[in-house]
Amino acid sequence: MREGVLIKVGQNLKRDVGLEESARADSGDKRYELSARFRVRGHWRNQAIGKGRLDRKLIWIKPFVKGPSMAELVERNYRVE
């Protein structure tokens, strides 16, 4: 577990928490599988709606826990500046 991870808003984030890379035997494509549980913070989403999905609607996504139900829960602290 990492303490005090600093994330500046607007920067790209590296996907490293609870992800394992595996190759698909049938197609040779790489995919990622979750190996740990973690909390996803609440956030706003610009949801596509309407005919042809051309319009947008701002919706709130509630916080939730993501990952396999039997995996260890990984806690992270974030400081946003």
PDB file of N, CA and C in Angstrom:
ATOM      1  N   MET A   1       0.836  -1.181   0.000  1.00  0.00           N
ATOM      2  CA  MET A   1       0.000   0.000   0.000  1.00  0.00           C
ATOM      3  C   MET A   1       0.879   1.243   0.000  1.00  0.00           C
ATOM      4  N   ARG A   2       0.557   2.177  -0.884  1.00  0.00           N
ATOM      5  CA  ARG A   2       1.316   3.420  -0.959  1.00  0.00           C
ATOM      6  C   ARG A   2       0.595   4.504  -0.172  1.00  0.00           C
ATOM      7  N   GLU A   3       1.339   5.243   0.607  1.00  0.00           N
ATOM      8  CA  GLU A   3       0.773   6.322   1.407  1.00  0.00           C
ATOM      9  C   GLU A   3       1.022   7.660   0.723  1.00  0.00           C
ATOM     10  N   GLY A   4       0.070   8.564   0.810  1.00  0.00           N
ATOM     11  CA  GLY A   4       0.254   9.937   0.349  1.00  0.00           C
ATOM     12  C   GLY A   4       0.578  10.075  -1.120  1.00  0.00           C
ATOM     13  N   VAL A   5      -0.121   9.381  -1.995  1.00  0.00           N
ATOM     14  CA  VAL A   5       0.106   9.504  -3.429  1.00  0.00           C
ATOM     15  C   VAL A   5      -0.382  10.871  -3.873  1.00  0.00           C
ATOM     16  N   LEU A   6       0.452  11.615  -4.569  1.00  0.00           N
ATOM     17  CA  LEU A   6       0.100  12.945  -5.040  1.00  0.00           C
ATOM     18  C   LEU A   6      -0.359  12.871  -6.488  1.00  0.00           C
ATOM     19  N   ILE A   7      -1.561  13.349  -6.744  1.00  0.00           N
ATOM     20  CA  ILE A   7      -2.088  13.387  -8.100  1.00  0.00           C
ATOM     21  C   ILE A   7      -2.505  14.812  -8.394  1.00  0.00           C
ATOM     22  N   LYS A   8      -1.939  15.394  -9.429  1.00  0.00           N
ATOM     23  CA  LYS A   8      -2.353  16.729  -9.833  1.00  0.00           C
ATOM     24  C   LYS A   8      -3.489  16.596 -10.833  1.00  0.00           C
ATOM     25  N   VAL A   9      -4.541  17.366 -10.602  1.00  0.00           N
ATOM     26  CA  VAL A   9      -5.719  17.303 -11.462  1.00  0.00           C
ATOM     27  C   VAL A   9      -5.326  17.674 -12.885  1.00  0.00           C
ATOM     28  N   GLY A  10      -5.783  16.870 -13.855  1.00  0.00           N
ATOM     29  CA  GLY A  10      -5.504  17.142 -15.256  1.00  0.00           C
ATOM     30  C   GLY A  10      -4.355  16.334 -15.822  1.00  0.00           C
ATOM     31  N   GLN A  11      -3.602  15.618 -14.972  1.00  0.00           N
ATOM     32  CA  GLN A  11      -2.498  14.806 -15.471  1.00  0.00           C
ATOM     33  C   GLN A  11      -2.990  13.413 -15.815  1.00  0.00           C
ATOM     34  N   ASN A  12      -2.272  12.742 -16.718  1.00  0.00           N
ATOM     35  CA  ASN A  12      -2.575  11.351 -17.026  1.00  0.00           C
ATOM     36  C   ASN A  12      -2.143  10.480 -15.863  1.00  0.00           C
ATOM     37  N   LEU A  13      -2.927   9.452 -15.566  1.00  0.00           N
ATOM     38  CA  LEU A  13      -2.627   8.562 -14.460  1.00  0.00           C
ATOM     39  C   LEU A  13      -2.171   7.215 -14.990  1.00  0.00           C
ATOM     40  N   LYS A  14      -1.213   6.608 -14.324  1.00  0.00           N
ATOM     41  CA  LYS A  14      -0.736   5.286 -14.693  1.00  0.00           C
ATOM     42  C   LYS A  14      -1.650   4.240 -14.064  1.00  0.00           C
ATOM     43  N   ARG A  15      -2.098   3.269 -14.853  1.00  0.00           N
ATOM     44  CA  ARG A  15      -2.984   2.217 -14.363  1.00  0.00           C
ATOM     45  C   ARG A  15      -2.128   1.103 -13.776  1.00  0.00           C
ATOM     46  N   ASP A  16      -1.975   1.101 -12.448  1.00  0.00           N
ATOM     47  CA  ASP A  16      -1.128   0.069 -11.867  1.00  0.00           C
ATOM     48  C   ASP A  16      -1.747  -0.624 -10.660  1.00  0.00           C
ATOM     49  N   VAL A  17      -2.849  -0.147 -10.137  1.00  0.00           N
ATOM     50  CA  VAL A  17      -3.422  -0.722  -8.922  1.00  0.00           C
ATOM     51  C   VAL A  17      -4.318  -1.892  -9.267  1.00  0.00           C
ATOM     52  N   GLY A  18      -3.923  -3.085  -8.848  1.00  0.00           N
ATOM     53  CA  GLY A  18      -4.786  -4.244  -8.981  1.00  0.00           C
ATOM     54  C   GLY A  18      -5.002  -4.745 -10.390  1.00  0.00           C
ATOM     55  N   LEU A  19      -4.143  -4.402 -11.340  1.00  0.00           N
ATOM     56  CA  LEU A  19      -4.312  -4.857 -12.716  1.00  0.00           C
ATOM     57  C   LEU A  19      -3.229  -5.854 -13.084  1.00  0.00           C
ATOM     58  N   GLU A  20      -3.624  -6.906 -13.752  1.00  0.00           N
ATOM     59  CA  GLU A  20      -2.677  -7.882 -14.280  1.00  0.00           C
ATOM     60  C   GLU A  20      -2.918  -8.005 -15.775  1.00  0.00           C
ATOM     61  N   GLU A  21      -1.833  -8.033 -16.529  1.00  0.00           N
ATOM     62  CA  GLU A  21      -1.953  -8.171 -17.976  1.00  0.00           C
ATOM     63  C   GLU A  21      -1.978  -9.654 -18.330  1.00  0.00           C
ATOM     64  N   SER A  22      -2.890 -10.035 -19.198  1.00  0.00           N
ATOM     65  CA  SER A  22      -2.944 -11.422 -19.652  1.00  0.00           C
ATOM     66  C   SER A  22      -3.221 -11.433 -21.148  1.00  0.00           C
ATOM     67  N   ALA A  23      -2.727 -12.451 -21.821  1.00  0.00           N
ATOM     68  CA  ALA A  23      -2.941 -12.572 -23.265  1.00  0.00           C
ATOM     69  C   ALA A  23      -4.120 -13.502 -23.512  1.00  0.00           C
ATOM     70  N   ARG A  24      -4.979 -13.134 -24.454  1.00  0.00           N
ATOM     71  CA  ARG A  24      -6.096 -13.987 -24.816  1.00  0.00           C
ATOM     72  C   ARG A  24      -5.585 -15.054 -25.776  1.00  0.00           C
ATOM     73  N   ALA A  25      -5.873 -16.301 -25.469  1.00  0.00           N
ATOM     74  CA  ALA A  25      -5.372 -17.412 -26.270  1.00  0.00           C
ATOM     75  C   ALA A  25      -5.992 -17.443 -27.658  1.00  0.00           C
ATOM     76  N   ASP A  26      -7.269 -17.050 -27.779  1.00  0.00           N
ATOM     77  CA  ASP A  26      -7.951 -17.172 -29.065  1.00  0.00           C
ATOM     78  C   ASP A  26      -7.581 -16.086 -30.062  1.00  0.00           C
ATOM     79  N   SER A  27      -7.363 -14.837 -29.625  1.00  0.00           N
ATOM     80  CA  SER A  27      -7.117 -13.755 -30.570  1.00  0.00           C
ATOM     81  C   SER A  27      -5.724 -13.149 -30.481  1.00  0.00           C
ATOM     82  N   GLY A  28      -4.990 -13.438 -29.416  1.00  0.00           N
ATOM     83  CA  GLY A  28      -3.666 -12.859 -29.266  1.00  0.00           C
ATOM     84  C   GLY A  28      -3.699 -11.438 -28.736  1.00  0.00           C
ATOM     85  N   ASP A  29      -4.900 -10.858 -28.495  1.00  0.00           N
ATOM     86  CA  ASP A  29      -5.011  -9.505 -27.956  1.00  0.00           C
ATOM     87  C   ASP A  29      -4.687  -9.508 -26.474  1.00  0.00           C
ATOM     88  N   LYS A  30      -4.082  -8.427 -26.014  1.00  0.00           N
ATOM     89  CA  LYS A  30      -3.818  -8.285 -24.593  1.00  0.00           C
ATOM     90  C   LYS A  30      -5.054  -7.694 -23.924  1.00  0.00           C
ATOM     91  N   ARG A  31      -5.285  -8.097 -22.675  1.00  0.00           N
ATOM     92  CA  ARG A  31      -6.364  -7.511 -21.895  1.00  0.00           C
ATOM     93  C   ARG A  31      -5.906  -7.426 -20.449  1.00  0.00           C
ATOM     94  N   TYR A  32      -6.625  -6.677 -19.651  1.00  0.00           N
ATOM     95  CA  TYR A  32      -6.280  -6.499 -18.249  1.00  0.00           C
ATOM     96  C   TYR A  32      -7.361  -7.109 -17.379  1.00  0.00           C
ATOM     97  N   GLU A  33      -6.938  -7.787 -16.315  1.00  0.00           N
ATOM     98  CA  GLU A  33      -7.857  -8.371 -15.357  1.00  0.00           C
ATOM     99  C   GLU A  33      -7.545  -7.805 -13.984  1.00  0.00           C
ATOM    100  N   LEU A  34      -8.577  -7.542 -13.210  1.00  0.00           N
ATOM    101  CA  LEU A  34      -8.385  -7.011 -11.864  1.00  0.00           C
ATOM    102  C   LEU A  34      -7.964  -8.127 -10.918  1.00  0.00           C
ATOM    103  N   SER A  35      -6.969  -7.851 -10.080  1.00  0.00           N
ATOM    104  CA  SER A  35      -6.504  -8.834  -9.107  1.00  0.00           C
ATOM    105  C   SER A  35      -6.703  -8.344  -7.671  1.00  0.00           C
ATOM    106  N   ALA A  36      -7.224  -7.120  -7.512  1.00  0.00           N
ATOM    107  CA  ALA A  36      -7.464  -6.556  -6.183  1.00  0.00           C
ATOM    108  C   ALA A  36      -8.731  -5.709  -6.239  1.00  0.00           C
ATOM    109  N   ARG A  37      -9.314  -5.471  -5.062  1.00  0.00           N
ATOM    110  CA  ARG A  37     -10.473  -4.595  -4.960  1.00  0.00           C
ATOM    111  C   ARG A  37      -9.997  -3.210  -4.564  1.00  0.00           C
ATOM    112  N   PHE A  38     -10.680  -2.177  -5.041  1.00  0.00           N
ATOM    113  CA  PHE A  38     -10.344  -0.813  -4.671  1.00  0.00           C
ATOM    114  C   PHE A  38     -11.579   0.067  -4.777  1.00  0.00           C
ATOM    115  N   ARG A  39     -11.540   1.177  -4.036  1.00  0.00           N
ATOM    116  CA  ARG A  39     -12.654   2.114  -4.051  1.00  0.00           C
ATOM    117  C   ARG A  39     -12.522   3.054  -5.240  1.00  0.00           C
ATOM    118  N   VAL A  40     -13.641   3.309  -5.903  1.00  0.00           N
ATOM    119  CA  VAL A  40     -13.704   4.298  -6.977  1.00  0.00           C
ATOM    120  C   VAL A  40     -14.438   5.500  -6.400  1.00  0.00           C
ATOM    121  N   ARG A  41     -13.812   6.652  -6.449  1.00  0.00           N
ATOM    122  CA  ARG A  41     -14.423   7.855  -5.891  1.00  0.00           C
ATOM    123  C   ARG A  41     -15.562   8.333  -6.776  1.00  0.00           C
ATOM    124  N   GLY A  42     -16.503   9.060  -6.182  1.00  0.00           N
ATOM    125  CA  GLY A  42     -17.592   9.647  -6.957  1.00  0.00           C
ATOM    126  C   GLY A  42     -17.044  10.629  -7.980  1.00  0.00           C
ATOM    127  N   HIS A  43     -17.697  10.705  -9.137  1.00  0.00           N
ATOM    128  CA  HIS A  43     -17.208  11.591 -10.191  1.00  0.00           C
ATOM    129  C   HIS A  43     -18.348  11.948 -11.152  1.00  0.00           C
ATOM    130  N   TRP A  44     -18.132  12.985 -11.935  1.00  0.00           N
ATOM    131  CA  TRP A  44     -19.099  13.415 -12.940  1.00  0.00           C
ATOM    132  C   TRP A  44     -18.760  12.750 -14.263  1.00  0.00           C
ATOM    133  N   ARG A  45     -19.791  12.373 -15.015  1.00  0.00           N
ATOM    134  CA  ARG A  45     -19.612  11.784 -16.339  1.00  0.00           C
ATOM    135  C   ARG A  45     -20.425  12.587 -17.348  1.00  0.00           C
ATOM    136  N   ASN A  46     -19.849  12.815 -18.495  1.00  0.00           N
ATOM    137  CA  ASN A  46     -20.539  13.497 -19.590  1.00  0.00           C
ATOM    138  C   ASN A  46     -21.190  12.416 -20.456  1.00  0.00           C
ATOM    139  N   GLN A  47     -22.408  11.999 -20.087  1.00  0.00           N
ATOM    140  CA  GLN A  47     -23.096  10.851 -20.688  1.00  0.00           C
ATOM    141  C   GLN A  47     -23.687  11.202 -22.049  1.00  0.00           C
ATOM    142  N   ALA A  48     -23.421  10.369 -23.059  1.00  0.00           N
ATOM    143  CA  ALA A  48     -24.016  10.546 -24.380  1.00  0.00           C
ATOM    144  C   ALA A  48     -25.483  10.108 -24.326  1.00  0.00           C
ATOM    145  N   ILE A  49     -26.375  10.937 -24.878  1.00  0.00           N
ATOM    146  CA  ILE A  49     -27.805  10.619 -24.882  1.00  0.00           C
ATOM    147  C   ILE A  49     -28.419  11.047 -26.211  1.00  0.00           C
ATOM    148  N   GLY A  50     -29.682  10.667 -26.419  1.00  0.00           N
ATOM    149  CA  GLY A  50     -30.446  11.137 -27.567  1.00  0.00           C
ATOM    150  C   GLY A  50     -30.187  10.349 -28.842  1.00  0.00           C
ATOM    151  N   LYS A  51     -30.846  10.771 -29.892  1.00  0.00           N
ATOM    152  CA  LYS A  51     -30.732  10.116 -31.187  1.00  0.00           C
ATOM    153  C   LYS A  51     -29.301  10.233 -31.710  1.00  0.00           C
ATOM    154  N   GLY A  52     -28.716   9.102 -32.046  1.00  0.00           N
ATOM    155  CA  GLY A  52     -27.331   9.084 -32.522  1.00  0.00           C
ATOM    156  C   GLY A  52     -26.322   9.389 -31.429  1.00  0.00           C
ATOM    157  N   ARG A  53     -26.797   9.461 -30.186  1.00  0.00           N
ATOM    158  CA  ARG A  53     -25.935   9.762 -29.028  1.00  0.00           C
ATOM    159  C   ARG A  53     -25.119  11.034 -29.236  1.00  0.00           C
ATOM    160  N   LEU A  54     -25.730  12.033 -29.868  1.00  0.00           N
ATOM    161  CA  LEU A  54     -25.035  13.281 -30.175  1.00  0.00           C
ATOM    162  C   LEU A  54     -25.135  14.313 -29.055  1.00  0.00           C
ATOM    163  N   ASP A  55     -26.131  14.187 -28.187  1.00  0.00           N
ATOM    164  CA  ASP A  55     -26.285  15.127 -27.086  1.00  0.00           C
ATOM    165  C   ASP A  55     -25.549  14.605 -25.856  1.00  0.00           C
ATOM    166  N   ARG A  56     -25.295  15.485 -24.904  1.00  0.00           N
ATOM    167  CA  ARG A  56     -24.591  15.119 -23.679  1.00  0.00           C
ATOM    168  C   ARG A  56     -25.393  15.578 -22.469  1.00  0.00           C
ATOM    169  N   LYS A  57     -25.283  14.772 -21.394  1.00  0.00           N
ATOM    170  CA  LYS A  57     -25.949  15.074 -20.135  1.00  0.00           C
ATOM    171  C   LYS A  57     -24.955  14.794 -19.020  1.00  0.00           C
ATOM    172  N   LEU A  58     -24.775  15.755 -18.126  1.00  0.00           N
ATOM    173  CA  LEU A  58     -23.852  15.605 -17.013  1.00  0.00           C
ATOM    174  C   LEU A  58     -24.541  14.797 -15.916  1.00  0.00           C
ATOM    175  N   ILE A  59     -23.945  13.634 -15.545  1.00  0.00           N
ATOM    176  CA  ILE A  59     -24.531  12.787 -14.503  1.00  0.00           C
ATOM    177  C   ILE A  59     -23.479  12.500 -13.436  1.00  0.00           C
ATOM    178  N   TRP A  60     -23.945  12.256 -12.198  1.00  0.00           N
ATOM    179  CA  TRP A  60     -23.065  11.947 -11.071  1.00  0.00           C
ATOM    180  C   TRP A  60     -22.984  10.436 -10.906  1.00  0.00           C
ATOM    181  N   ILE A  61     -21.776   9.888 -10.859  1.00  0.00           N
ATOM    182  CA  ILE A  61     -21.537   8.475 -10.590  1.00  0.00           C
ATOM    183  C   ILE A  61     -21.185   8.350  -9.113  1.00  0.00           C
ATOM    184  N   LYS A  62     -21.963   7.559  -8.366  1.00  0.00           N
ATOM    185  CA  LYS A  62     -21.736   7.377  -6.930  1.00  0.00           C
ATOM    186  C   LYS A  62     -20.452   6.580  -6.692  1.00  0.00           C
ATOM    187  N   PRO A  63     -19.804   6.789  -5.531  1.00  0.00           N
ATOM    188  CA  PRO A  63     -18.625   5.977  -5.186  1.00  0.00           C
ATOM    189  C   PRO A  63     -19.006   4.491  -5.085  1.00  0.00           C
ATOM    190  N   PHE A  64     -18.077   3.605  -5.468  1.00  0.00           N
ATOM    191  CA  PHE A  64     -18.321   2.168  -5.390  1.00  0.00           C
ATOM    192  C   PHE A  64     -17.005   1.417  -5.261  1.00  0.00           C
ATOM    193  N   VAL A  65     -17.091   0.116  -4.935  1.00  0.00           N
ATOM    194  CA  VAL A  65     -15.914  -0.750  -4.829  1.00  0.00           C
ATOM    195  C   VAL A  65     -15.842  -1.583  -6.098  1.00  0.00           C
ATOM    196  N   LYS A  66     -14.663  -1.627  -6.719  1.00  0.00           N
ATOM    197  CA  LYS A  66     -14.462  -2.332  -7.980  1.00  0.00           C
ATOM    198  C   LYS A  66     -13.466  -3.467  -7.782  1.00  0.00           C
ATOM    199  N   GLY A  67     -13.682  -4.580  -8.472  1.00  0.00           N
ATOM    200  CA  GLY A  67     -12.752  -5.703  -8.412  1.00  0.00           C
ATOM    201  C   GLY A  67     -13.425  -6.984  -7.969  1.00  0.00           C
ATOM    202  N   PRO A  68     -12.689  -8.107  -8.001  1.00  0.00           N
ATOM    203  CA  PRO A  68     -13.241  -9.406  -7.614  1.00  0.00           C
ATOM    204  C   PRO A  68     -13.672  -9.403  -6.146  1.00  0.00           C
ATOM    205  N   SER A  69     -14.815 -10.022  -5.855  1.00  0.00           N
ATOM    206  CA  SER A  69     -15.384  -9.971  -4.502  1.00  0.00           C
ATOM    207  C   SER A  69     -14.507 -10.634  -3.445  1.00  0.00           C
ATOM    208  N   MET A  70     -13.714 -11.612  -3.788  1.00  0.00           N
ATOM    209  CA  MET A  70     -12.880 -12.310  -2.808  1.00  0.00           C
ATOM    210  C   MET A  70     -11.461 -11.745  -2.707  1.00  0.00           C
ATOM    211  N   ALA A  71     -11.135 -10.723  -3.491  1.00  0.00           N
ATOM    212  CA  ALA A  71      -9.777 -10.159  -3.488  1.00  0.00           C
ATOM    213  C   ALA A  71      -9.591  -9.192  -2.328  1.00  0.00           C
ATOM    214  N   GLU A  72      -8.328  -8.909  -2.007  1.00  0.00           N
ATOM    215  CA  GLU A  72      -7.981  -7.975  -0.936  1.00  0.00           C
ATOM    216  C   GLU A  72      -8.329  -6.550  -1.350  1.00  0.00           C
ATOM    217  N   LEU A  73      -8.850  -5.762  -0.400  1.00  0.00           N
ATOM    218  CA  LEU A  73      -9.184  -4.361  -0.652  1.00  0.00           C
ATOM    219  C   LEU A  73      -7.927  -3.520  -0.485  1.00  0.00           C
ATOM    220  N   VAL A  74      -7.547  -2.792  -1.523  1.00  0.00           N
ATOM    221  CA  VAL A  74      -6.367  -1.926  -1.504  1.00  0.00           C
ATOM    222  C   VAL A  74      -6.825  -0.514  -1.180  1.00  0.00           C
ATOM    223  N   GLU A  75      -6.260   0.066  -0.119  1.00  0.00           N
ATOM    224  CA  GLU A  75      -6.602   1.431   0.280  1.00  0.00           C
ATOM    225  C   GLU A  75      -5.522   2.381  -0.214  1.00  0.00           C
ATOM    226  N   ARG A  76      -5.948   3.524  -0.763  1.00  0.00           N
ATOM    227  CA  ARG A  76      -4.997   4.540  -1.213  1.00  0.00           C
ATOM    228  C   ARG A  76      -5.433   5.892  -0.689  1.00  0.00           C
ATOM    229  N   ASN A  77      -4.478   6.731  -0.348  1.00  0.00           N
ATOM    230  CA  ASN A  77      -4.745   8.100   0.064  1.00  0.00           C
ATOM    231  C   ASN A  77      -4.377   9.022  -1.087  1.00  0.00           C
ATOM    232  N   TYR A  78      -5.220   9.982  -1.372  1.00  0.00           N
ATOM    233  CA  TYR A  78      -4.976  10.933  -2.447  1.00  0.00           C
ATOM    234  C   TYR A  78      -4.964  12.355  -1.884  1.00  0.00           C
ATOM    235  N   ARG A  79      -4.073  13.156  -2.370  1.00  0.00           N
ATOM    236  CA  ARG A  79      -4.046  14.582  -2.031  1.00  0.00           C
ATOM    237  C   ARG A  79      -4.138  15.341  -3.341  1.00  0.00           C
ATOM    238  N   VAL A  80      -5.199  16.087  -3.521  1.00  0.00           N
ATOM    239  CA  VAL A  80      -5.419  16.830  -4.755  1.00  0.00           C
ATOM    240  C   VAL A  80      -5.085  18.292  -4.510  1.00  0.00           C
ATOM    241  N   GLU A  81      -4.265  18.850  -5.375  1.00  0.00           N
ATOM    242  CA  GLU A  81      -3.879  20.268  -5.241  1.00  0.00           C
ATOM    243  C   GLU A  81      -4.573  21.103  -6.275  1.00  0.00           C
TER     244      GLU A  81
END
